[in-house]
């Protein structure tokens, strides 16, 4: 009679190791990450509330921004609360199902954000290259279709990789050398050969990164060519101003990806250093996104003043808005 349990996981829970080399600094790290978490959560929540309340922000650009803020809230709440518990030393264990759920949501939300950034690039492309047709091209139906596709792709593509990972037998150890249930850290604990699965996931991840990146690159090549052909300096300034926030957003996303890649590949960086870099990377774009759009967007600043009266924090001038920002 064959052994029917060979494909089942041999552990019922994992232990999040965290950063053992920095354990004496856990209290300080806890307060740092807590402040970052609160700033990230409240900043993105502010965007969600303002776009939902203010009828002046019911436009395609702010609709995409609302979705981005929602994804950032989901990302931080998926990862950071457990990280804070680990830093406090109360409970470093996570159930088998909880670990793979965390892995799935982290991968899915990250993938969805990458696709959403590409959708926002298309919005900027139409606003600059085809301004007279913007309202007819980027209408409500198109916005809903684009965002639905983005969310569906982001949450469906990682399913097979995570399901395959959860079917692996873990028998060597249940200690996760990270602060979250990260895919490479979990797969390194497998007691069978997982090369094929890891290569498949890597190929899928490369596709999720490179296809949107090439689309964003194409969009901005077309935008630059269109801007160069504009006759007046004022028109060029308006076009660049329209795209500036999104350009910063794109740069941040790919800088954070490069930093995380360097943290994994550079041998001179200690394991604790790599984990710390990964921890900061979880905050980078979710924290900066609302700052970018709050400080550079006159309508967001005006909405903050209307609903919260924070004039000293969000002074707003009388800049003229341009098509695509309305």
Protein backbone atom coordinates (compact mmCIF):
# COMPACT_ATOMS: atom_id res chain seq x y z
CA UNK A 1 0.00 0.00 0.00
CA UNK A 2 1.46 3.39 -1.06
CA UNK A 3 2.01 6.23 1.35
CA UNK A 4 -0.79 8.70 0.70
CA UNK A 5 0.65 11.33 3.04
CA UNK A 6 3.84 12.05 1.13
CA UNK A 7 2.32 15.05 -0.65
CA UNK A 8 0.89 16.57 2.53
CA UNK A 9 2.69 19.25 4.52
CA UNK A 10 4.55 17.90 7.52
CA UNK A 11 4.26 21.08 9.59
CA UNK A 12 1.13 22.73 10.97
CA UNK A 13 2.69 26.13 11.62
CA UNK A 14 5.72 28.26 10.86
CA UNK A 15 7.86 30.39 13.15
CA UNK A 16 8.78 33.87 11.93
CA UNK A 17 12.43 34.31 12.91
CA UNK A 18 12.59 38.02 12.12
CA UNK A 19 16.00 39.67 12.50
CA UNK A 20 17.93 37.77 15.24
CA UNK A 21 21.02 39.95 14.83
CA UNK A 22 18.97 43.05 15.63
CA UNK A 23 16.97 41.54 18.48
CA UNK A 24 18.34 44.00 21.04
CA UNK A 25 16.90 46.81 18.92
CA UNK A 26 13.43 45.25 18.53
CA UNK A 27 11.74 47.83 20.77
CA UNK A 28 13.16 50.70 18.72
CA UNK A 29 12.30 48.93 15.46
CA UNK A 30 8.77 48.32 16.74
CA UNK A 31 8.14 52.04 17.27
CA UNK A 32 9.76 52.93 13.92
CA UNK A 33 7.64 50.44 12.00
CA UNK A 34 4.53 51.38 14.01
CA UNK A 35 4.93 55.06 13.10
CA UNK A 36 5.51 54.13 9.46
CA UNK A 37 2.44 51.89 9.52
CA UNK A 38 0.21 54.60 11.01
CA UNK A 39 1.48 57.21 8.56
CA UNK A 40 0.99 54.85 5.62
CA UNK A 41 -2.46 53.67 6.71
CA UNK A 42 -3.80 57.15 7.57
CA UNK A 43 -2.30 58.76 4.45
CA UNK A 44 -3.97 56.27 2.12
CA UNK A 45 -7.18 56.31 4.16
CA UNK A 46 -7.27 60.08 3.66
CA UNK A 47 -7.15 59.58 -0.13
CA UNK A 48 -9.95 56.99 0.07
CA UNK A 49 -12.16 59.28 2.14
CA UNK A 50 -11.56 62.43 0.08
CA UNK A 51 -12.20 60.77 -3.29
CA UNK A 52 -15.35 59.12 -1.90
CA UNK A 53 -16.73 62.34 -0.38
CA UNK A 54 -15.77 65.05 -2.87
CA UNK A 55 -17.76 65.15 -6.12
CA UNK A 56 -14.98 67.26 -7.69
CA UNK A 57 -12.72 64.20 -7.48
CA UNK A 58 -15.09 61.86 -9.36
CA UNK A 59 -12.84 61.69 -12.42
CA UNK A 60 -10.79 58.86 -14.00
CA UNK A 61 -7.45 59.95 -12.54
CA UNK A 62 -8.80 60.06 -8.98
CA UNK A 63 -10.67 56.80 -9.54
CA UNK A 64 -7.35 55.11 -10.32
CA UNK A 65 -5.76 56.89 -7.35
CA UNK A 66 -8.55 55.59 -5.10
CA UNK A 67 -7.81 52.04 -6.23
CA UNK A 68 -4.09 52.54 -5.63
CA UNK A 69 -4.74 53.84 -2.10
CA UNK A 70 -7.00 50.84 -1.39
CA UNK A 71 -4.27 48.45 -2.55
CA UNK A 72 -1.72 50.20 -0.34
CA UNK A 73 -4.02 49.88 2.68
CA UNK A 74 -4.53 46.18 1.96
CA UNK A 75 -0.78 45.64 1.49
CA UNK A 76 0.22 47.24 4.78
CA UNK A 77 -2.52 45.50 6.77
CA UNK A 78 -1.53 42.15 5.25
CA UNK A 79 2.10 42.39 6.37
CA UNK A 80 2.74 44.94 9.09
CA UNK A 81 0.48 43.87 12.01
CA UNK A 82 2.16 40.44 12.19
CA UNK A 83 5.58 42.11 11.87
CA UNK A 84 4.78 44.33 14.87
CA UNK A 85 3.69 41.31 16.91
CA UNK A 86 6.97 39.55 16.05
CA UNK A 87 8.99 42.60 17.07
CA UNK A 88 7.18 42.69 20.41
CA UNK A 89 8.10 39.03 20.91
CA UNK A 90 4.57 37.99 21.85
CA UNK A 91 3.84 35.41 19.16
CA UNK A 92 6.22 34.49 16.36
CA UNK A 93 4.14 31.56 15.12
CA UNK A 94 1.80 31.64 12.15
CA UNK A 95 -0.44 28.80 11.04
CA UNK A 96 0.27 26.91 7.82
CA UNK A 97 -2.89 28.29 6.18
CA UNK A 98 -2.24 31.79 7.56
CA UNK A 99 1.27 31.79 6.17
CA UNK A 100 0.20 30.93 2.63
CA UNK A 101 -2.73 33.33 2.79
CA UNK A 102 -0.30 36.10 3.72
CA UNK A 103 1.99 35.05 0.87
CA UNK A 104 -0.91 34.99 -1.60
CA UNK A 105 -2.27 38.40 -0.65
CA UNK A 106 1.17 40.01 -0.63
CA UNK A 107 1.98 38.68 -4.12
CA UNK A 108 -1.50 39.44 -5.49
CA UNK A 109 -1.68 42.99 -4.15
CA UNK A 110 1.85 43.75 -5.38
CA UNK A 111 1.02 42.38 -8.85
CA UNK A 112 -2.24 44.33 -8.97
CA UNK A 113 -0.39 47.55 -8.13
CA UNK A 114 2.06 46.99 -10.98
CA UNK A 115 -0.81 46.49 -13.43
CA UNK A 116 -2.64 49.53 -12.03
CA UNK A 117 0.42 51.73 -12.52
CA UNK A 118 0.40 50.66 -16.19
CA UNK A 119 -3.31 51.53 -16.45
CA UNK A 120 -2.56 54.95 -14.98
CA UNK A 121 0.17 55.40 -17.59
CA UNK A 122 -2.44 54.83 -20.31
CA UNK A 123 -4.65 57.44 -18.67
CA UNK A 124 -1.77 59.96 -18.77
CA UNK A 125 -1.01 59.00 -22.39
CA UNK A 126 -4.57 59.77 -23.51
CA UNK A 127 -4.64 63.01 -21.46
CA UNK A 128 -1.50 64.33 -23.17
CA UNK A 129 -1.56 62.79 -26.65
CA UNK A 130 -5.33 62.88 -27.28
CA UNK A 131 -6.63 65.62 -24.95
CA UNK A 132 -9.66 66.51 -27.07
CA UNK A 133 -10.88 62.90 -26.98
CA UNK A 134 -9.97 62.23 -23.34
CA UNK A 135 -13.52 62.25 -21.96
CA UNK A 136 -14.81 59.95 -24.69
CA UNK A 137 -11.90 57.46 -24.48
CA UNK A 138 -11.45 57.34 -20.68
CA UNK A 139 -15.14 57.14 -19.77
CA UNK A 140 -16.78 55.39 -16.83
CA UNK A 141 -17.19 52.07 -18.66
CA UNK A 142 -13.54 52.04 -19.74
CA UNK A 143 -12.36 52.90 -16.21
CA UNK A 144 -14.40 50.08 -14.70
CA UNK A 145 -13.21 47.63 -17.35
CA UNK A 146 -9.57 48.58 -16.87
CA UNK A 147 -9.65 48.37 -13.08
CA UNK A 148 -11.64 45.12 -13.10
CA UNK A 149 -9.07 43.60 -15.45
CA UNK A 150 -6.21 44.86 -13.30
CA UNK A 151 -7.67 43.35 -10.11
CA UNK A 152 -8.58 40.08 -11.84
CA UNK A 153 -5.10 39.64 -13.31
CA UNK A 154 -3.40 40.54 -10.06
CA UNK A 155 -5.40 38.09 -7.95
CA UNK A 156 -5.66 35.22 -10.45
CA UNK A 157 -2.11 34.95 -11.81
CA UNK A 158 -0.44 34.03 -8.46
CA UNK A 159 -3.02 31.38 -7.54
CA UNK A 160 -1.25 28.43 -9.19
CA UNK A 161 2.16 29.34 -7.75
CA UNK A 162 0.84 29.63 -4.20
CA UNK A 163 -1.26 26.45 -4.47
CA UNK A 164 1.76 24.52 -5.74
CA UNK A 165 3.90 25.98 -2.94
CA UNK A 166 1.36 24.96 -0.30
CA UNK A 167 1.37 21.36 -1.61
CA UNK A 168 5.11 20.97 -0.97
CA UNK A 169 6.27 18.85 1.96
CA UNK A 170 8.13 20.85 4.62
CA UNK A 171 10.17 18.68 6.92
CA UNK A 172 13.62 20.24 7.31
CA UNK A 173 12.52 23.20 9.45
CA UNK A 174 9.56 25.46 10.11
CA UNK A 175 11.64 28.56 10.92
CA UNK A 176 11.06 31.31 8.33
CA UNK A 177 14.21 33.44 8.03
CA UNK A 178 12.27 36.61 7.31
CA UNK A 179 9.67 38.93 8.85
CA UNK A 180 6.86 37.68 6.57
CA UNK A 181 5.94 34.49 4.72
CA UNK A 182 7.91 35.47 1.65
CA UNK A 183 7.89 32.98 -1.23
CA UNK A 184 11.68 32.33 -1.48
CA UNK A 185 12.02 31.99 2.30
CA UNK A 186 9.20 29.45 2.51
CA UNK A 187 10.35 27.43 -0.50
CA UNK A 188 13.85 27.18 0.97
CA UNK A 189 12.30 25.07 3.75
CA UNK A 190 11.00 22.39 1.38
CA UNK A 191 12.46 18.92 1.76
CA UNK A 192 11.88 18.02 -1.91
CA UNK A 193 13.25 19.46 -5.14
CA UNK A 194 11.20 22.58 -5.95
CA UNK A 195 13.38 23.92 -8.77
CA UNK A 196 10.63 23.58 -11.38
CA UNK A 197 8.09 25.38 -9.22
CA UNK A 198 10.49 28.18 -8.30
CA UNK A 199 11.48 28.68 -11.96
CA UNK A 200 7.82 28.77 -13.00
CA UNK A 201 7.04 31.39 -10.33
CA UNK A 202 10.11 33.42 -11.32
CA UNK A 203 9.03 33.38 -14.97
CA UNK A 204 5.52 34.47 -13.98
CA UNK A 205 6.91 37.24 -11.78
CA UNK A 206 9.17 38.50 -14.57
CA UNK A 207 6.17 38.64 -16.89
CA UNK A 208 4.13 40.56 -14.30
CA UNK A 209 6.95 43.10 -13.97
CA UNK A 210 8.27 43.43 -17.51
CA UNK A 211 5.04 43.49 -19.53
CA UNK A 212 3.58 46.46 -17.57
CA UNK A 213 7.01 48.14 -17.54
CA UNK A 214 7.33 47.93 -21.33
CA UNK A 215 3.78 49.29 -21.68
CA UNK A 216 4.62 52.21 -19.35
CA UNK A 217 7.81 52.82 -21.35
CA UNK A 218 5.85 52.84 -24.61
CA UNK A 219 3.28 55.23 -23.14
CA UNK A 220 5.91 57.73 -22.04
CA UNK A 221 7.79 57.53 -25.32
CA UNK A 222 4.57 58.56 -27.04
CA UNK A 223 3.97 61.26 -24.42
CA UNK A 224 7.48 62.71 -24.88
CA UNK A 225 7.13 62.74 -28.66
CA UNK A 226 3.80 64.53 -28.33
CA UNK A 227 5.18 67.08 -25.87
CA UNK A 228 8.16 67.84 -28.11
CA UNK A 229 5.76 68.72 -30.94
CA UNK A 230 3.81 71.21 -28.81
CA UNK A 231 4.25 74.77 -30.01
CA UNK A 232 4.31 76.71 -26.73
CA UNK A 233 6.40 76.36 -23.60
CA UNK A 234 3.27 76.74 -21.46
CA UNK A 235 1.65 73.72 -23.13
CA UNK A 236 4.76 71.65 -22.51
CA UNK A 237 4.86 72.67 -18.85
CA UNK A 238 1.20 71.71 -18.38
CA UNK A 239 1.78 68.33 -20.04
CA UNK A 240 4.80 67.56 -17.87
CA UNK A 241 2.95 68.72 -14.76
CA UNK A 242 0.09 66.35 -15.57
CA UNK A 243 2.48 63.40 -15.73
CA UNK A 244 4.93 64.36 -12.99
CA UNK A 245 3.19 62.61 -10.07
CA UNK A 246 2.78 59.41 -12.05
CA UNK A 247 6.40 59.52 -13.24
CA UNK A 248 7.60 59.76 -9.62
CA UNK A 249 5.28 56.86 -8.77
CA UNK A 250 6.71 54.68 -11.57
CA UNK A 251 10.29 55.50 -10.59
CA UNK A 252 9.57 54.62 -6.96
CA UNK A 253 8.03 51.27 -7.85
CA UNK A 254 10.98 50.19 -9.92
CA UNK A 255 13.57 51.62 -7.52
CA UNK A 256 11.98 49.60 -4.71
CA UNK A 257 12.10 46.49 -6.90
CA UNK A 258 15.77 47.07 -7.68
CA UNK A 259 16.62 47.70 -4.02
CA UNK A 260 14.92 44.46 -2.99
CA UNK A 261 16.73 42.58 -5.77
CA UNK A 262 20.08 44.01 -4.64
CA UNK A 263 19.30 43.02 -1.06
CA UNK A 264 18.82 39.43 -2.17
CA UNK A 265 21.79 39.18 -4.51
CA UNK A 266 24.65 41.15 -2.90
CA UNK A 267 26.65 38.71 -0.77
CA UNK A 268 28.21 41.42 1.41
CA UNK A 269 24.79 42.30 2.88
CA UNK A 270 24.06 40.28 6.02
CA UNK A 271 20.86 38.19 6.28
CA UNK A 272 19.47 40.62 8.86
CA UNK A 273 20.33 43.51 6.55
CA UNK A 274 18.44 41.88 3.70
CA UNK A 275 15.39 41.33 5.88
CA UNK A 276 15.55 44.95 7.11
CA UNK A 277 15.75 46.22 3.51
CA UNK A 278 12.74 44.08 2.66
CA UNK A 279 10.86 45.50 5.65
CA UNK A 280 11.51 49.09 4.58
CA UNK A 281 10.53 48.19 1.04
CA UNK A 282 7.06 47.18 2.24
CA UNK A 283 6.56 50.80 3.37
CA UNK A 284 8.30 52.73 0.59
CA UNK A 285 5.66 53.12 -2.11
CA UNK A 286 2.54 52.82 0.12
CA UNK A 287 3.91 55.61 2.33
CA UNK A 288 5.11 57.91 -0.45
CA UNK A 289 2.11 57.54 -2.82
CA UNK A 290 -0.32 59.70 -0.79
CA UNK A 291 2.46 62.24 -0.12
CA UNK A 292 3.14 62.60 -3.86
CA UNK A 293 -0.50 63.09 -4.76
CA UNK A 294 -1.33 65.27 -1.75
CA UNK A 295 1.54 67.72 -2.06
CA UNK A 296 1.46 68.04 -5.86
CA UNK A 297 -2.27 67.98 -6.50
CA UNK A 298 -4.25 71.16 -6.01
CA UNK A 299 -7.65 69.46 -5.92
CA UNK A 300 -6.56 67.01 -3.22
CA UNK A 301 -5.18 69.90 -1.14
CA UNK A 302 -8.38 71.89 -1.68
CA UNK A 303 -10.47 68.88 -0.59
CA UNK A 304 -8.35 68.50 2.57
CA UNK A 305 -9.00 72.14 3.40
CA UNK A 306 -12.75 71.80 2.78
CA UNK A 307 -13.28 68.68 4.87
CA UNK A 308 -10.55 68.91 7.51
CA UNK A 309 -9.47 72.55 7.57
CA UNK A 310 -5.74 71.70 7.47
CA UNK A 311 -4.68 74.87 5.69
CA UNK A 312 -1.30 75.14 7.37
CA UNK A 313 -0.37 71.60 6.30
CA UNK A 314 -1.81 71.72 2.79
CA UNK A 315 -1.57 75.27 1.44
CA UNK A 316 -3.05 75.45 -2.00
CA UNK A 317 -2.58 78.03 -4.67
CA UNK A 318 -4.61 79.03 -7.64
CA UNK A 319 -3.03 76.81 -10.24
CA UNK A 320 -5.06 76.22 -13.34
CA UNK A 321 -6.07 72.60 -13.79
CA UNK A 322 -5.48 70.83 -17.08
CA UNK A 323 -7.50 68.26 -18.94
CA UNK A 324 -7.11 64.80 -17.48
CA UNK A 325 -6.68 66.20 -13.97
CA UNK A 326 -10.26 67.38 -13.86
